[in-house]
Amino acid sequence: MSAADIANRHFTAAMDEAKTTGQDNESVCRSLLNLVVAKYLETRSVDDVRSELNFLADNCDPDADFAFMRP
């Protein structure tokens, strides 16, 4: 099982539990993101975590091509 499979299984379970308990999906996602950032900060610098988050934010549009992609 890959790391992505493990993460996806737990994320799906969190979203299912949010639905059954009446929690807002966005609040649960925000809480999960806060946990991920806190875990990153245990072993990575603030600048490194910021760079990771900026990369994800800059490339979150699924319809946009990456700068290094050929036309």
N, C-alpha and C. Protein backbone atom coordinates (compact mmCIF):
# COMPACT_ATOMS: atom_id res chain seq x y z
N MET A 1 0.85 -1.17 0.00
CA MET A 1 0.00 0.00 0.00
C MET A 1 0.90 1.24 0.00
N SER A 2 0.57 2.20 -0.86
CA SER A 2 1.38 3.41 -0.97
C SER A 2 0.97 4.44 0.08
N ALA A 3 1.83 5.44 0.25
CA ALA A 3 1.51 6.55 1.16
C ALA A 3 0.23 7.26 0.71
N ALA A 4 0.07 7.41 -0.60
CA ALA A 4 -1.15 8.06 -1.12
C ALA A 4 -2.39 7.23 -0.81
N ASP A 5 -2.27 5.91 -0.89
CA ASP A 5 -3.41 5.04 -0.56
C ASP A 5 -3.79 5.18 0.91
N ILE A 6 -2.80 5.22 1.78
CA ILE A 6 -3.06 5.37 3.22
C ILE A 6 -3.73 6.71 3.50
N ALA A 7 -3.18 7.78 2.94
CA ALA A 7 -3.74 9.11 3.16
C ALA A 7 -5.16 9.19 2.61
N ASN A 8 -5.39 8.64 1.43
CA ASN A 8 -6.71 8.69 0.82
C ASN A 8 -7.73 7.94 1.67
N ARG A 9 -7.34 6.79 2.21
CA ARG A 9 -8.24 6.00 3.06
C ARG A 9 -8.66 6.79 4.29
N HIS A 10 -7.70 7.45 4.93
CA HIS A 10 -8.02 8.22 6.14
C HIS A 10 -8.79 9.50 5.82
N PHE A 11 -8.46 10.13 4.71
CA PHE A 11 -9.19 11.33 4.30
C PHE A 11 -10.65 10.98 4.00
N THR A 12 -10.86 9.89 3.27
CA THR A 12 -12.22 9.46 2.95
C THR A 12 -12.99 9.15 4.23
N ALA A 13 -12.34 8.49 5.18
CA ALA A 13 -12.99 8.18 6.45
C ALA A 13 -13.35 9.46 7.20
N ALA A 14 -12.47 10.45 7.18
CA ALA A 14 -12.75 11.73 7.85
C ALA A 14 -13.93 12.44 7.19
N MET A 15 -13.99 12.42 5.87
CA MET A 15 -15.10 13.06 5.16
C MET A 15 -16.42 12.32 5.44
N ASP A 16 -16.36 10.99 5.50
CA ASP A 16 -17.56 10.21 5.82
C ASP A 16 -18.03 10.50 7.24
N GLU A 17 -17.09 10.58 8.17
CA GLU A 17 -17.45 10.88 9.55
C GLU A 17 -18.00 12.30 9.69
N ALA A 18 -17.43 13.23 8.93
CA ALA A 18 -17.95 14.61 8.95
C ALA A 18 -19.41 14.62 8.52
N LYS A 19 -19.71 13.86 7.47
CA LYS A 19 -21.08 13.81 6.97
C LYS A 19 -22.03 13.22 8.01
N THR A 20 -21.61 12.13 8.64
CA THR A 20 -22.51 11.45 9.59
C THR A 20 -22.68 12.22 10.90
N THR A 21 -21.72 13.08 11.22
CA THR A 21 -21.82 13.85 12.47
C THR A 21 -22.26 15.29 12.24
N GLY A 22 -22.54 15.63 10.98
CA GLY A 22 -23.03 16.97 10.68
C GLY A 22 -21.96 18.05 10.69
N GLN A 23 -20.72 17.63 10.54
CA GLN A 23 -19.62 18.61 10.50
C GLN A 23 -19.46 19.13 9.07
N ASP A 24 -19.00 20.35 8.97
CA ASP A 24 -18.74 20.98 7.68
C ASP A 24 -17.45 20.41 7.08
N ASN A 25 -17.51 19.97 5.81
CA ASN A 25 -16.32 19.43 5.14
C ASN A 25 -15.15 20.40 5.17
N GLU A 26 -15.41 21.68 4.95
CA GLU A 26 -14.32 22.66 4.92
C GLU A 26 -13.64 22.78 6.28
N SER A 27 -14.40 22.69 7.35
CA SER A 27 -13.81 22.76 8.69
C SER A 27 -12.92 21.55 8.96
N VAL A 28 -13.37 20.38 8.53
CA VAL A 28 -12.56 19.18 8.71
C VAL A 28 -11.30 19.26 7.86
N CYS A 29 -11.42 19.72 6.61
CA CYS A 29 -10.25 19.88 5.75
C CYS A 29 -9.25 20.86 6.36
N ARG A 30 -9.75 21.96 6.89
CA ARG A 30 -8.87 22.95 7.51
C ARG A 30 -8.16 22.34 8.71
N SER A 31 -8.89 21.56 9.50
CA SER A 31 -8.28 20.91 10.66
C SER A 31 -7.21 19.90 10.24
N LEU A 32 -7.49 19.14 9.19
CA LEU A 32 -6.50 18.20 8.68
C LEU A 32 -5.25 18.92 8.17
N LEU A 33 -5.47 20.02 7.46
CA LEU A 33 -4.34 20.80 6.95
C LEU A 33 -3.50 21.34 8.10
N ASN A 34 -4.16 21.81 9.15
CA ASN A 34 -3.42 22.30 10.32
C ASN A 34 -2.59 21.20 10.95
N LEU A 35 -3.14 19.98 11.00
CA LEU A 35 -2.39 18.84 11.54
C LEU A 35 -1.19 18.51 10.68
N VAL A 36 -1.36 18.56 9.37
CA VAL A 36 -0.25 18.28 8.45
C VAL A 36 0.86 19.32 8.62
N VAL A 37 0.48 20.58 8.68
CA VAL A 37 1.48 21.64 8.85
C VAL A 37 2.21 21.47 10.18
N ALA A 38 1.48 21.17 11.24
CA ALA A 38 2.11 20.97 12.55
C ALA A 38 3.10 19.80 12.50
N LYS A 39 2.72 18.73 11.80
CA LYS A 39 3.62 17.57 11.68
C LYS A 39 4.86 17.92 10.87
N TYR A 40 4.67 18.64 9.77
CA TYR A 40 5.82 19.11 8.98
C TYR A 40 6.78 19.92 9.83
N LEU A 41 6.24 20.81 10.66
CA LEU A 41 7.08 21.71 11.44
C LEU A 41 7.90 20.98 12.51
N GLU A 42 7.57 19.72 12.77
CA GLU A 42 8.37 18.94 13.71
C GLU A 42 9.75 18.63 13.14
N THR A 43 9.85 18.58 11.80
CA THR A 43 11.12 18.18 11.20
C THR A 43 11.60 19.12 10.09
N ARG A 44 10.80 20.11 9.75
CA ARG A 44 11.15 21.00 8.65
C ARG A 44 11.08 22.45 9.13
N SER A 45 11.83 23.31 8.45
CA SER A 45 11.83 24.73 8.81
C SER A 45 10.54 25.40 8.35
N VAL A 46 10.25 26.53 8.94
CA VAL A 46 9.06 27.30 8.54
C VAL A 46 9.16 27.67 7.07
N ASP A 47 10.34 28.12 6.63
CA ASP A 47 10.51 28.49 5.22
C ASP A 47 10.28 27.30 4.29
N ASP A 48 10.71 26.12 4.69
CA ASP A 48 10.52 24.92 3.88
C ASP A 48 9.04 24.56 3.78
N VAL A 49 8.34 24.63 4.90
CA VAL A 49 6.89 24.34 4.90
C VAL A 49 6.16 25.39 4.08
N ARG A 50 6.54 26.64 4.25
CA ARG A 50 5.92 27.72 3.47
C ARG A 50 6.13 27.48 1.98
N SER A 51 7.33 27.08 1.59
CA SER A 51 7.63 26.80 0.19
C SER A 51 6.75 25.66 -0.33
N GLU A 52 6.59 24.62 0.46
CA GLU A 52 5.74 23.48 0.08
C GLU A 52 4.30 23.94 -0.14
N LEU A 53 3.78 24.74 0.79
CA LEU A 53 2.40 25.21 0.68
C LEU A 53 2.23 26.18 -0.49
N ASN A 54 3.22 27.02 -0.71
CA ASN A 54 3.15 27.94 -1.86
C ASN A 54 3.15 27.17 -3.17
N PHE A 55 3.97 26.13 -3.27
CA PHE A 55 4.00 25.32 -4.48
C PHE A 55 2.63 24.70 -4.72
N LEU A 56 2.04 24.14 -3.68
CA LEU A 56 0.71 23.54 -3.82
C LEU A 56 -0.34 24.57 -4.22
N ALA A 57 -0.28 25.75 -3.61
CA ALA A 57 -1.24 26.81 -3.93
C ALA A 57 -1.05 27.30 -5.36
N ASP A 58 0.18 27.45 -5.78
CA ASP A 58 0.46 27.93 -7.13
C ASP A 58 0.06 26.92 -8.21
N ASN A 59 -0.04 25.66 -7.83
CA ASN A 59 -0.30 24.60 -8.81
C ASN A 59 -1.58 23.82 -8.52
N CYS A 60 -2.54 24.44 -7.87
CA CYS A 60 -3.75 23.71 -7.50
C CYS A 60 -4.82 23.71 -8.58
N ASP A 61 -4.65 24.49 -9.65
CA ASP A 61 -5.63 24.52 -10.73
C ASP A 61 -5.43 23.28 -11.61
N PRO A 62 -6.40 22.34 -11.59
CA PRO A 62 -6.21 21.11 -12.35
C PRO A 62 -6.23 21.33 -13.87
N ASP A 63 -6.71 22.48 -14.33
CA ASP A 63 -6.77 22.76 -15.76
C ASP A 63 -5.56 23.52 -16.28
N ALA A 64 -4.68 23.96 -15.37
CA ALA A 64 -3.51 24.74 -15.80
C ALA A 64 -2.34 23.81 -16.06
N ASP A 65 -1.57 24.16 -17.07
CA ASP A 65 -0.35 23.42 -17.39
C ASP A 65 0.77 23.89 -16.47
N PHE A 66 1.66 22.97 -16.13
CA PHE A 66 2.83 23.36 -15.39
C PHE A 66 3.80 24.07 -16.34
N ALA A 67 4.61 24.96 -15.80
CA ALA A 67 5.53 25.74 -16.62
C ALA A 67 6.49 24.85 -17.41
N PHE A 68 6.83 23.69 -16.85
CA PHE A 68 7.80 22.82 -17.53
C PHE A 68 7.14 21.87 -18.53
N MET A 69 5.82 21.93 -18.68
CA MET A 69 5.15 21.03 -19.64
C MET A 69 5.27 21.58 -21.05
N ARG A 70 5.42 20.68 -21.98
CA ARG A 70 5.49 21.09 -23.38
C ARG A 70 4.08 21.23 -23.93
N PRO A 71 3.91 22.16 -24.87
CA PRO A 71 2.57 22.32 -25.47
C PRO A 71 2.19 21.15 -26.36
